[in-house]
N, C-alpha and C. Protein backbone atom coordinates (compact mmCIF):
# COMPACT_ATOMS: atom_id res chain seq x y z
N MET A 1 0.28 -1.14 -3.02
CA MET A 1 0.20 -1.07 -4.46
C MET A 1 0.66 0.32 -4.88
N ARG A 2 1.61 0.37 -5.79
CA ARG A 2 2.10 1.66 -6.30
C ARG A 2 1.65 1.79 -7.74
N ILE A 3 0.96 2.84 -8.02
CA ILE A 3 0.45 3.06 -9.37
C ILE A 3 0.93 4.43 -9.83
N GLU A 4 1.75 4.47 -10.86
CA GLU A 4 2.24 5.73 -11.39
C GLU A 4 1.20 6.40 -12.27
N GLU A 5 0.59 5.62 -13.13
CA GLU A 5 -0.42 6.17 -14.02
C GLU A 5 -1.50 5.11 -14.22
N PHE A 6 -2.74 5.53 -14.16
CA PHE A 6 -3.83 4.57 -14.22
C PHE A 6 -4.98 5.20 -15.00
N GLU A 7 -5.44 4.52 -16.01
CA GLU A 7 -6.54 5.02 -16.82
C GLU A 7 -7.41 3.86 -17.24
N PHE A 8 -8.71 4.08 -17.28
CA PHE A 8 -9.58 3.09 -17.89
C PHE A 8 -10.88 3.74 -18.29
N GLU A 9 -11.54 3.11 -19.21
CA GLU A 9 -12.85 3.56 -19.65
C GLU A 9 -13.83 2.42 -19.44
N GLU A 10 -15.05 2.77 -19.08
CA GLU A 10 -16.07 1.76 -18.82
C GLU A 10 -17.43 2.36 -19.17
N GLU A 11 -18.26 1.59 -19.83
CA GLU A 11 -19.61 2.06 -20.14
C GLU A 11 -20.49 1.91 -18.91
N LYS A 12 -21.30 2.92 -18.63
CA LYS A 12 -22.22 2.88 -17.50
C LYS A 12 -23.56 3.44 -17.96
N THR A 13 -24.62 3.03 -17.29
CA THR A 13 -25.92 3.66 -17.55
C THR A 13 -25.89 5.05 -16.92
N LEU A 14 -26.85 5.89 -17.27
CA LEU A 14 -26.92 7.22 -16.67
C LEU A 14 -27.06 7.13 -15.15
N SER A 15 -27.87 6.20 -14.68
CA SER A 15 -28.06 6.03 -13.25
C SER A 15 -26.77 5.58 -12.56
N ASN A 16 -26.05 4.62 -13.16
CA ASN A 16 -24.78 4.16 -12.59
C ASN A 16 -23.76 5.29 -12.55
N LEU A 17 -23.71 6.08 -13.61
CA LEU A 17 -22.78 7.21 -13.66
C LEU A 17 -23.12 8.22 -12.57
N ALA A 18 -24.40 8.52 -12.41
CA ALA A 18 -24.82 9.47 -11.37
C ALA A 18 -24.43 8.96 -9.99
N ASP A 19 -24.63 7.67 -9.74
CA ASP A 19 -24.24 7.08 -8.45
C ASP A 19 -22.74 7.23 -8.21
N LEU A 20 -21.94 6.95 -9.24
CA LEU A 20 -20.49 7.06 -9.11
C LEU A 20 -20.08 8.50 -8.81
N LEU A 21 -20.65 9.47 -9.52
CA LEU A 21 -20.30 10.87 -9.30
C LEU A 21 -20.72 11.36 -7.91
N VAL A 22 -21.89 10.91 -7.43
CA VAL A 22 -22.33 11.27 -6.08
C VAL A 22 -21.37 10.68 -5.05
N GLU A 23 -20.98 9.43 -5.25
CA GLU A 23 -20.04 8.78 -4.32
C GLU A 23 -18.71 9.52 -4.29
N ILE A 24 -18.20 9.91 -5.45
CA ILE A 24 -16.94 10.67 -5.51
C ILE A 24 -17.10 12.01 -4.81
N ALA A 25 -18.23 12.70 -5.04
CA ALA A 25 -18.49 13.99 -4.41
C ALA A 25 -18.51 13.86 -2.89
N GLU A 26 -19.15 12.81 -2.37
CA GLU A 26 -19.21 12.60 -0.92
C GLU A 26 -17.82 12.36 -0.34
N GLN A 27 -17.00 11.60 -1.05
CA GLN A 27 -15.65 11.34 -0.58
C GLN A 27 -14.81 12.62 -0.58
N ILE A 28 -14.97 13.45 -1.61
CA ILE A 28 -14.24 14.72 -1.67
C ILE A 28 -14.69 15.63 -0.53
N ARG A 29 -16.00 15.68 -0.27
CA ARG A 29 -16.52 16.52 0.81
C ARG A 29 -15.94 16.06 2.16
N ALA A 30 -15.82 14.75 2.38
CA ALA A 30 -15.24 14.23 3.62
C ALA A 30 -13.76 14.62 3.73
N GLY A 31 -13.07 14.71 2.58
CA GLY A 31 -11.73 15.26 2.56
C GLY A 31 -10.59 14.37 2.98
N GLU A 32 -10.80 13.10 3.18
CA GLU A 32 -9.72 12.22 3.61
C GLU A 32 -9.03 11.52 2.45
N LYS A 33 -9.80 10.74 1.71
CA LYS A 33 -9.23 9.95 0.62
C LYS A 33 -10.30 9.73 -0.44
N LEU A 34 -9.85 9.37 -1.62
CA LEU A 34 -10.73 9.08 -2.73
C LEU A 34 -10.49 7.62 -3.11
N GLU A 35 -11.55 6.81 -3.07
CA GLU A 35 -11.45 5.40 -3.44
C GLU A 35 -12.12 5.22 -4.79
N LEU A 36 -11.34 4.78 -5.77
CA LEU A 36 -11.84 4.60 -7.13
C LEU A 36 -11.77 3.14 -7.53
N PRO A 37 -12.75 2.67 -8.32
CA PRO A 37 -12.74 1.26 -8.72
C PRO A 37 -11.64 0.95 -9.71
N MET A 38 -11.11 -0.27 -9.62
CA MET A 38 -10.16 -0.76 -10.60
C MET A 38 -10.94 -1.13 -11.86
N PRO A 39 -10.26 -1.28 -12.99
CA PRO A 39 -10.97 -1.71 -14.18
C PRO A 39 -11.61 -3.08 -13.98
N THR A 40 -12.55 -3.42 -14.82
CA THR A 40 -13.32 -4.64 -14.63
C THR A 40 -12.47 -5.90 -14.68
N LEU A 41 -11.32 -5.86 -15.31
CA LEU A 41 -10.47 -7.06 -15.39
C LEU A 41 -9.60 -7.25 -14.15
N GLN A 42 -9.58 -6.27 -13.25
CA GLN A 42 -8.78 -6.38 -12.04
C GLN A 42 -9.67 -6.15 -10.83
N GLU A 43 -9.33 -6.76 -9.72
CA GLU A 43 -10.11 -6.60 -8.50
C GLU A 43 -9.51 -5.50 -7.64
N GLY A 44 -10.33 -4.94 -6.77
CA GLY A 44 -9.85 -3.99 -5.79
C GLY A 44 -10.19 -2.56 -6.11
N ILE A 45 -9.59 -1.65 -5.32
CA ILE A 45 -9.81 -0.23 -5.49
C ILE A 45 -8.47 0.49 -5.45
N ILE A 46 -8.48 1.70 -5.96
CA ILE A 46 -7.32 2.58 -5.85
C ILE A 46 -7.67 3.60 -4.78
N GLU A 47 -6.82 3.75 -3.78
CA GLU A 47 -7.06 4.69 -2.69
C GLU A 47 -6.07 5.84 -2.82
N ILE A 48 -6.60 7.06 -2.97
CA ILE A 48 -5.77 8.23 -3.21
C ILE A 48 -6.01 9.24 -2.10
N PRO A 49 -4.94 9.70 -1.41
CA PRO A 49 -5.14 10.72 -0.38
C PRO A 49 -5.51 12.05 -1.02
N LEU A 50 -6.47 12.76 -0.43
CA LEU A 50 -6.89 14.06 -0.95
C LEU A 50 -6.11 15.18 -0.28
N GLY A 51 -6.05 16.30 -0.95
CA GLY A 51 -5.42 17.50 -0.41
C GLY A 51 -6.09 18.72 -1.01
N GLU A 52 -5.74 19.90 -0.48
CA GLU A 52 -6.31 21.14 -1.00
C GLU A 52 -5.18 22.04 -1.46
N PRO A 53 -5.40 22.96 -2.33
CA PRO A 53 -6.60 23.16 -3.13
C PRO A 53 -6.67 22.15 -4.26
N ILE A 54 -7.86 21.94 -4.80
CA ILE A 54 -8.04 21.03 -5.92
C ILE A 54 -8.26 21.86 -7.18
N GLU A 55 -7.37 21.66 -8.14
CA GLU A 55 -7.53 22.32 -9.43
C GLU A 55 -8.49 21.47 -10.26
N THR A 56 -9.36 22.13 -11.00
CA THR A 56 -10.34 21.41 -11.81
C THR A 56 -10.24 21.82 -13.27
N GLY A 57 -10.60 20.90 -14.13
CA GLY A 57 -10.62 21.19 -15.56
C GLY A 57 -11.71 20.38 -16.23
N ILE A 58 -12.30 20.95 -17.26
CA ILE A 58 -13.30 20.25 -18.06
C ILE A 58 -12.96 20.48 -19.52
N GLU A 59 -12.90 19.39 -20.28
CA GLU A 59 -12.61 19.47 -21.70
C GLU A 59 -13.75 18.78 -22.45
N VAL A 60 -14.30 19.46 -23.45
CA VAL A 60 -15.40 18.90 -24.24
C VAL A 60 -14.93 18.77 -25.69
N THR A 61 -15.09 17.57 -26.25
CA THR A 61 -14.75 17.31 -27.64
C THR A 61 -15.98 16.73 -28.32
N ILE A 62 -16.40 17.34 -29.41
CA ILE A 62 -17.57 16.86 -30.13
C ILE A 62 -17.11 16.27 -31.45
N ARG A 63 -17.42 14.99 -31.66
CA ARG A 63 -17.08 14.26 -32.87
C ARG A 63 -18.37 13.89 -33.60
N ARG A 64 -18.23 13.20 -34.71
CA ARG A 64 -19.43 12.80 -35.48
C ARG A 64 -20.35 11.89 -34.68
N GLN A 65 -19.78 10.87 -34.05
CA GLN A 65 -20.60 9.86 -33.36
C GLN A 65 -20.65 10.04 -31.84
N PHE A 66 -19.68 10.74 -31.26
CA PHE A 66 -19.57 10.80 -29.80
C PHE A 66 -19.32 12.22 -29.32
N ILE A 67 -19.70 12.46 -28.09
CA ILE A 67 -19.31 13.67 -27.36
C ILE A 67 -18.47 13.19 -26.18
N HIS A 68 -17.28 13.72 -26.03
CA HIS A 68 -16.40 13.37 -24.92
C HIS A 68 -16.35 14.54 -23.96
N VAL A 69 -16.61 14.27 -22.68
CA VAL A 69 -16.45 15.27 -21.62
C VAL A 69 -15.45 14.69 -20.64
N ASP A 70 -14.30 15.32 -20.53
CA ASP A 70 -13.25 14.85 -19.63
C ASP A 70 -13.14 15.81 -18.45
N PHE A 71 -13.27 15.27 -17.23
CA PHE A 71 -13.08 16.05 -16.01
C PHE A 71 -11.69 15.73 -15.48
N SER A 72 -11.00 16.73 -15.02
CA SER A 72 -9.72 16.47 -14.37
C SER A 72 -9.67 17.19 -13.03
N LEU A 73 -9.12 16.51 -12.05
CA LEU A 73 -8.92 17.05 -10.71
C LEU A 73 -7.45 16.86 -10.38
N SER A 74 -6.81 17.84 -9.77
CA SER A 74 -5.42 17.66 -9.35
C SER A 74 -5.16 18.44 -8.07
N TRP A 75 -4.30 17.87 -7.24
CA TRP A 75 -3.92 18.48 -5.98
C TRP A 75 -2.53 18.00 -5.61
N ARG A 76 -1.90 18.72 -4.71
CA ARG A 76 -0.54 18.35 -4.29
C ARG A 76 -0.59 17.07 -3.45
N LYS A 77 0.43 16.24 -3.66
CA LYS A 77 0.53 15.01 -2.86
C LYS A 77 0.91 15.38 -1.43
N ARG A 78 0.27 14.69 -0.49
CA ARG A 78 0.65 14.85 0.91
C ARG A 78 1.93 14.06 1.14
N PRO A 79 2.78 14.52 2.03
CA PRO A 79 3.95 13.72 2.38
C PRO A 79 3.51 12.39 2.98
N VAL A 80 4.15 11.31 2.55
CA VAL A 80 3.82 9.98 3.05
C VAL A 80 4.80 9.65 4.18
N GLU A 81 4.25 9.24 5.31
CA GLU A 81 5.10 8.89 6.45
C GLU A 81 5.97 7.69 6.13
N GLY A 82 7.23 7.76 6.55
CA GLY A 82 8.14 6.63 6.36
C GLY A 82 8.86 6.63 5.03
N THR A 83 8.66 7.65 4.19
CA THR A 83 9.39 7.69 2.91
C THR A 83 10.19 8.95 2.81
């Protein structure tokens, strides 16, 4: 599966969100790959190879009804064998 750009939003409880963030943190600590869920309308996972260093960013936007906190992580792509 080749995915150039992938985005989705999903509502989660605080506990579900904490579980997801802990799972992502454990995968990053292991350092091999990051497996992220597909949106609810599609089955499967997205598997992304990790690399170092990881650049991080946090953006906070406060609106009348919502607070948005966007985390971003970026790293160089590893060379893929056979391409």
